């Protein structure tokens, strides 16, 4: 195997490894992102349903 082929193979292996780790991290943290989004939306609903806030901006 030539030197160029070894370098190409090494770059390919690192690319696949990085892609695999990124995909794994995306799936691992997906639930945390969903729960954080629901929490922020819930806080926004509470803020908008607050009578003190609503009466000022009507």
PDB file of N, CA and C in Angstrom:
ATOM      1  N   UNK A   1       0.855  -1.171   0.000  1.00  0.00           N
ATOM      2  CA  UNK A   1       0.000   0.000   0.000  1.00  0.00           C
ATOM      3  C   UNK A   1       0.902   1.236   0.000  1.00  0.00           C
ATOM      4  N   UNK A   2       0.582   2.151  -0.890  1.00  0.00           N
ATOM      5  CA  UNK A   2       1.406   3.351  -1.005  1.00  0.00           C
ATOM      6  C   UNK A   2       1.127   4.320   0.142  1.00  0.00           C
ATOM      7  N   UNK A   3       2.012   5.283   0.264  1.00  0.00           N
ATOM      8  CA  UNK A   3       1.879   6.257   1.343  1.00  0.00           C
ATOM      9  C   UNK A   3       0.600   7.083   1.184  1.00  0.00           C
ATOM     10  N   UNK A   4       0.286   7.463  -0.046  1.00  0.00           N
ATOM     11  CA  UNK A   4      -0.924   8.242  -0.305  1.00  0.00           C
ATOM     12  C   UNK A   4      -2.187   7.472   0.059  1.00  0.00           C
ATOM     13  N   UNK A   5      -2.197   6.174  -0.222  1.00  0.00           N
ATOM     14  CA  UNK A   5      -3.358   5.344   0.101  1.00  0.00           C
ATOM     15  C   UNK A   5      -3.524   5.221   1.611  1.00  0.00           C
ATOM     16  N   UNK A   6      -2.405   5.120   2.325  1.00  0.00           N
ATOM     17  CA  UNK A   6      -2.475   5.032   3.789  1.00  0.00           C
ATOM     18  C   UNK A   6      -3.040   6.322   4.385  1.00  0.00           C
ATOM     19  N   UNK A   7      -2.586   7.448   3.862  1.00  0.00           N
ATOM     20  CA  UNK A   7      -3.071   8.734   4.357  1.00  0.00           C
ATOM     21  C   UNK A   7      -4.564   8.886   4.062  1.00  0.00           C
ATOM     22  N   UNK A   8      -4.964   8.501   2.859  1.00  0.00           N
ATOM     23  CA  UNK A   8      -6.381   8.570   2.490  1.00  0.00           C
ATOM     24  C   UNK A   8      -7.220   7.680   3.388  1.00  0.00           C
ATOM     25  N   UNK A   9      -6.743   6.475   3.651  1.00  0.00           N
ATOM     26  CA  UNK A   9      -7.460   5.549   4.519  1.00  0.00           C
ATOM     27  C   UNK A   9      -7.555   6.107   5.935  1.00  0.00           C
ATOM     28  N   UNK A  10      -6.491   6.697   6.424  1.00  0.00           N
ATOM     29  CA  UNK A  10      -6.485   7.279   7.763  1.00  0.00           C
ATOM     30  C   UNK A  10      -7.491   8.430   7.862  1.00  0.00           C
ATOM     31  N   UNK A  11      -7.528   9.282   6.855  1.00  0.00           N
ATOM     32  CA  UNK A  11      -8.488  10.391   6.840  1.00  0.00           C
ATOM     33  C   UNK A  11      -9.911   9.855   6.804  1.00  0.00           C
ATOM     34  N   UNK A  12     -10.150   8.822   6.017  1.00  0.00           N
ATOM     35  CA  UNK A  12     -11.477   8.218   5.936  1.00  0.00           C
ATOM     36  C   UNK A  12     -11.902   7.635   7.280  1.00  0.00           C
ATOM     37  N   UNK A  13     -10.989   6.941   7.950  1.00  0.00           N
ATOM     38  CA  UNK A  13     -11.299   6.346   9.253  1.00  0.00           C
ATOM     39  C   UNK A  13     -11.629   7.431  10.270  1.00  0.00           C
ATOM     40  N   UNK A  14     -10.843   8.496  10.315  1.00  0.00           N
ATOM     41  CA  UNK A  14     -11.116   9.587  11.254  1.00  0.00           C
ATOM     42  C   UNK A  14     -12.443  10.276  10.939  1.00  0.00           C
ATOM     43  N   UNK A  15     -12.751  10.446   9.659  1.00  0.00           N
ATOM     44  CA  UNK A  15     -14.012  11.069   9.267  1.00  0.00           C
ATOM     45  C   UNK A  15     -15.197  10.225   9.725  1.00  0.00           C
ATOM     46  N   UNK A  16     -15.130   8.928   9.498  1.00  0.00           N
ATOM     47  CA  UNK A  16     -16.208   8.033   9.922  1.00  0.00           C
ATOM     48  C   UNK A  16     -16.322   8.024  11.441  1.00  0.00           C
ATOM     49  N   UNK A  17     -15.203   8.028  12.148  1.00  0.00           N
ATOM     50  CA  UNK A  17     -15.212   8.040  13.605  1.00  0.00           C
ATOM     51  C   UNK A  17     -15.857   9.319  14.139  1.00  0.00           C
ATOM     52  N   UNK A  18     -15.483  10.450  13.586  1.00  0.00           N
ATOM     53  CA  UNK A  18     -16.051  11.725  14.029  1.00  0.00           C
ATOM     54  C   UNK A  18     -17.546  11.771  13.733  1.00  0.00           C
ATOM     55  N   UNK A  19     -17.951  11.302  12.545  1.00  0.00           N
ATOM     56  CA  UNK A  19     -19.373  11.281  12.205  1.00  0.00           C
ATOM     57  C   UNK A  19     -20.139  10.377  13.163  1.00  0.00           C
ATOM     58  N   UNK A  20     -19.588   9.228  13.486  1.00  0.00           N
ATOM     59  CA  UNK A  20     -20.247   8.297  14.405  1.00  0.00           C
ATOM     60  C   UNK A  20     -20.397   8.879  15.795  1.00  0.00           C
ATOM     61  N   UNK A  21     -19.362   9.530  16.285  1.00  0.00           N
ATOM     62  CA  UNK A  21     -19.439  10.147  17.611  1.00  0.00           C
ATOM     63  C   UNK A  21     -20.434  11.306  17.627  1.00  0.00           C
ATOM     64  N   UNK A  22     -20.478  12.075  16.557  1.00  0.00           N
ATOM     65  CA  UNK A  22     -21.433  13.182  16.482  1.00  0.00           C
ATOM     66  C   UNK A  22     -22.865  12.664  16.467  1.00  0.00           C
ATOM     67  N   UNK A  23     -23.105  11.613  15.699  1.00  0.00           N
ATOM     68  CA  UNK A  23     -24.451  11.035  15.640  1.00  0.00           C
ATOM     69  C   UNK A  23     -24.843  10.458  16.994  1.00  0.00           C
ATOM     70  N   UNK A  24     -23.907   9.801  17.657  1.00  0.00           N
ATOM     71  CA  UNK A  24     -24.201   9.234  18.980  1.00  0.00           C
ATOM     72  C   UNK A  24     -24.521  10.343  19.977  1.00  0.00           C
ATOM     73  N   UNK A  25     -23.752  11.413  19.956  1.00  0.00           N
ATOM     74  CA  UNK A  25     -24.008  12.534  20.869  1.00  0.00           C
ATOM     75  C   UNK A  25     -25.361  13.163  20.575  1.00  0.00           C
ATOM     76  N   UNK A  26     -25.732  13.262  19.297  1.00  0.00           N
ATOM     77  CA  UNK A  26     -27.021  13.845  18.938  1.00  0.00           C
ATOM     78  C   UNK A  26     -28.152  13.022  19.532  1.00  0.00           C
ATOM     79  N   UNK A  27     -28.070  11.699  19.423  1.00  0.00           N
ATOM     80  CA  UNK A  27     -29.125  10.845  19.962  1.00  0.00           C
ATOM     81  C   UNK A  27     -29.122  10.834  21.487  1.00  0.00           C
ATOM     82  N   UNK A  28     -27.946  10.880  22.092  1.00  0.00           N
ATOM     83  CA  UNK A  28     -27.863  10.854  23.557  1.00  0.00           C
ATOM     84  C   UNK A  28     -28.493  12.112  24.150  1.00  0.00           C
ATOM     85  N   UNK A  29     -28.210  13.270  23.558  1.00  0.00           N
ATOM     86  CA  UNK A  29     -28.672  14.533  24.127  1.00  0.00           C
ATOM     87  C   UNK A  29     -30.003  15.003  23.553  1.00  0.00           C
ATOM     88  N   UNK A  30     -30.607  14.215  22.656  1.00  0.00           N
ATOM     89  CA  UNK A  30     -31.877  14.615  22.046  1.00  0.00           C
ATOM     90  C   UNK A  30     -32.959  14.796  23.105  1.00  0.00           C
ATOM     91  N   UNK A  31     -33.060  13.874  24.032  1.00  0.00           N
ATOM     92  CA  UNK A  31     -34.098  13.960  25.060  1.00  0.00           C
ATOM     93  C   UNK A  31     -33.893  15.172  25.960  1.00  0.00           C
ATOM     94  N   UNK A  32     -32.649  15.518  26.238  1.00  0.00           N
ATOM     95  CA  UNK A  32     -32.386  16.697  27.066  1.00  0.00           C
ATOM     96  C   UNK A  32     -32.814  17.972  26.350  1.00  0.00           C
ATOM     97  N   UNK A  33     -32.583  18.034  25.038  1.00  0.00           N
ATOM     98  CA  UNK A  33     -33.001  19.215  24.281  1.00  0.00           C
ATOM     99  C   UNK A  33     -34.516  19.328  24.244  1.00  0.00           C
ATOM    100  N   UNK A  34     -35.192  18.195  24.104  1.00  0.00           N
ATOM    101  CA  UNK A  34     -36.657  18.211  24.066  1.00  0.00           C
ATOM    102  C   UNK A  34     -37.218  18.669  25.405  1.00  0.00           C
ATOM    103  N   UNK A  35     -36.673  18.148  26.501  1.00  0.00           N
ATOM    104  CA  UNK A  35     -37.188  18.542  27.816  1.00  0.00           C
ATOM    105  C   UNK A  35     -36.876  20.010  28.103  1.00  0.00           C
ATOM    106  N   UNK A  36     -35.728  20.499  27.660  1.00  0.00           N
ATOM    107  CA  UNK A  36     -35.404  21.915  27.855  1.00  0.00           C
ATOM    108  C   UNK A  36     -36.362  22.799  27.061  1.00  0.00           C
ATOM    109  N   UNK A  37     -36.669  22.403  25.834  1.00  0.00           N
ATOM    110  CA  UNK A  37     -37.601  23.191  25.021  1.00  0.00           C
ATOM    111  C   UNK A  37     -38.983  23.213  25.658  1.00  0.00           C
ATOM    112  N   UNK A  38     -39.446  22.080  26.160  1.00  0.00           N
ATOM    113  CA  UNK A  38     -40.755  22.036  26.817  1.00  0.00           C
ATOM    114  C   UNK A  38     -40.760  22.913  28.061  1.00  0.00           C
ATOM    115  N   UNK A  39     -39.661  22.913  28.792  1.00  0.00           N
ATOM    116  CA  UNK A  39     -39.566  23.736  29.997  1.00  0.00           C
ATOM    117  C   UNK A  39     -39.647  25.219  29.647  1.00  0.00           C
ATOM    118  N   UNK A  40     -38.898  25.643  28.618  1.00  0.00           N
ATOM    119  CA  UNK A  40     -38.933  27.053  28.220  1.00  0.00           C
ATOM    120  C   UNK A  40     -40.315  27.453  27.718  1.00  0.00           C
ATOM    121  N   UNK A  41     -40.965  26.565  26.957  1.00  0.00           N
ATOM    122  CA  UNK A  41     -42.311  26.877  26.476  1.00  0.00           C
ATOM    123  C   UNK A  41     -43.290  26.982  27.638  1.00  0.00           C
ATOM    124  N   UNK A  42     -43.140  26.104  28.628  1.00  0.00           N
ATOM    125  CA  UNK A  42     -44.006  26.156  29.807  1.00  0.00           C
ATOM    126  C   UNK A  42     -43.809  27.437  30.593  1.00  0.00           C
ATOM    127  N   UNK A  43     -42.558  27.877  30.714  1.00  0.00           N
ATOM    128  CA  UNK A  43     -42.295  29.135  31.418  1.00  0.00           C
ATOM    129  C   UNK A  43     -42.907  30.307  30.665  1.00  0.00           C
ATOM    130  N   UNK A  44     -42.835  30.268  29.344  1.00  0.00           N
ATOM    131  CA  UNK A  44     -43.444  31.330  28.544  1.00  0.00           C
ATOM    132  C   UNK A  44     -44.949  31.362  28.718  1.00  0.00           C
ATOM    133  N   UNK A  45     -45.577  30.194  28.748  1.00  0.00           N
ATOM    134  CA  UNK A  45     -47.029  30.136  28.964  1.00  0.00           C
ATOM    135  C   UNK A  45     -47.399  30.694  30.331  1.00  0.00           C
ATOM    136  N   UNK A  46     -46.634  30.342  31.349  1.00  0.00           N
ATOM    137  CA  UNK A  46     -46.910  30.858  32.691  1.00  0.00           C
ATOM    138  C   UNK A  46     -46.758  32.378  32.712  1.00  0.00           C
ATOM    139  N   UNK A  47     -45.734  32.881  32.053  1.00  0.00           N
ATOM    140  CA  UNK A  47     -45.480  34.322  32.021  1.00  0.00           C
ATOM    141  C   UNK A  47     -46.615  35.055  31.314  1.00  0.00           C
ATOM    142  N   UNK A  48     -47.068  34.511  30.186  1.00  0.00           N
ATOM    143  CA  UNK A  48     -48.136  35.167  29.435  1.00  0.00           C
ATOM    144  C   UNK A  48     -49.487  35.037  30.121  1.00  0.00           C
ATOM    145  N   UNK A  49     -49.683  33.984  30.895  1.00  0.00           N
ATOM    146  CA  UNK A  49     -50.946  33.798  31.605  1.00  0.00           C
ATOM    147  C   UNK A  49     -50.979  34.519  32.948  1.00  0.00           C
ATOM    148  N   UNK A  50     -49.868  35.120  33.328  1.00  0.00           N
ATOM    149  CA  UNK A  50     -49.792  35.861  34.582  1.00  0.00           C
ATOM    150  C   UNK A  50     -50.628  37.133  34.447  1.00  0.00           C
ATOM    151  N   UNK A  51     -51.574  37.333  35.352  1.00  0.00           N
ATOM    152  CA  UNK A  51     -52.472  38.492  35.276  1.00  0.00           C
ATOM    153  C   UNK A  51     -51.716  39.810  35.387  1.00  0.00           C
ATOM    154  N   UNK A  52     -50.672  39.854  36.190  1.00  0.00           N
ATOM    155  CA  UNK A  52     -49.912  41.100  36.339  1.00  0.00           C
ATOM    156  C   UNK A  52     -49.265  41.497  35.019  1.00  0.00           C
ATOM    157  N   UNK A  53     -48.711  40.527  34.311  1.00  0.00           N
ATOM    158  CA  UNK A  53     -48.087  40.827  33.023  1.00  0.00           C
ATOM    159  C   UNK A  53     -49.147  41.147  31.974  1.00  0.00           C
ATOM    160  N   UNK A  54     -50.205  40.348  31.939  1.00  0.00           N
ATOM    161  CA  UNK A  54     -51.230  40.505  30.902  1.00  0.00           C
ATOM    162  C   UNK A  54     -51.938  41.847  31.004  1.00  0.00           C
ATOM    163  N   UNK A  55     -52.205  42.321  32.228  1.00  0.00           N
ATOM    164  CA  UNK A  55     -52.941  43.575  32.380  1.00  0.00           C
ATOM    165  C   UNK A  55     -52.110  44.771  31.931  1.00  0.00           C
ATOM    166  N   UNK A  56     -50.797  44.682  32.028  1.00  0.00           N
ATOM    167  CA  UNK A  56     -49.934  45.795  31.627  1.00  0.00           C
ATOM    168  C   UNK A  56     -49.911  45.931  30.106  1.00  0.00           C
ATOM    169  N   UNK A  57     -49.941  44.809  29.400  1.00  0.00           N
ATOM    170  CA  UNK A  57     -49.722  44.829  27.952  1.00  0.00           C
ATOM    171  C   UNK A  57     -50.995  44.598  27.142  1.00  0.00           C
ATOM    172  N   UNK A  58     -52.141  44.930  27.683  1.00  0.00           N
ATOM    173  CA  UNK A  58     -53.387  44.773  26.905  1.00  0.00           C
ATOM    174  C   UNK A  58     -53.769  46.041  26.216  1.00  0.00           C
TER     175      UNK A  58
END
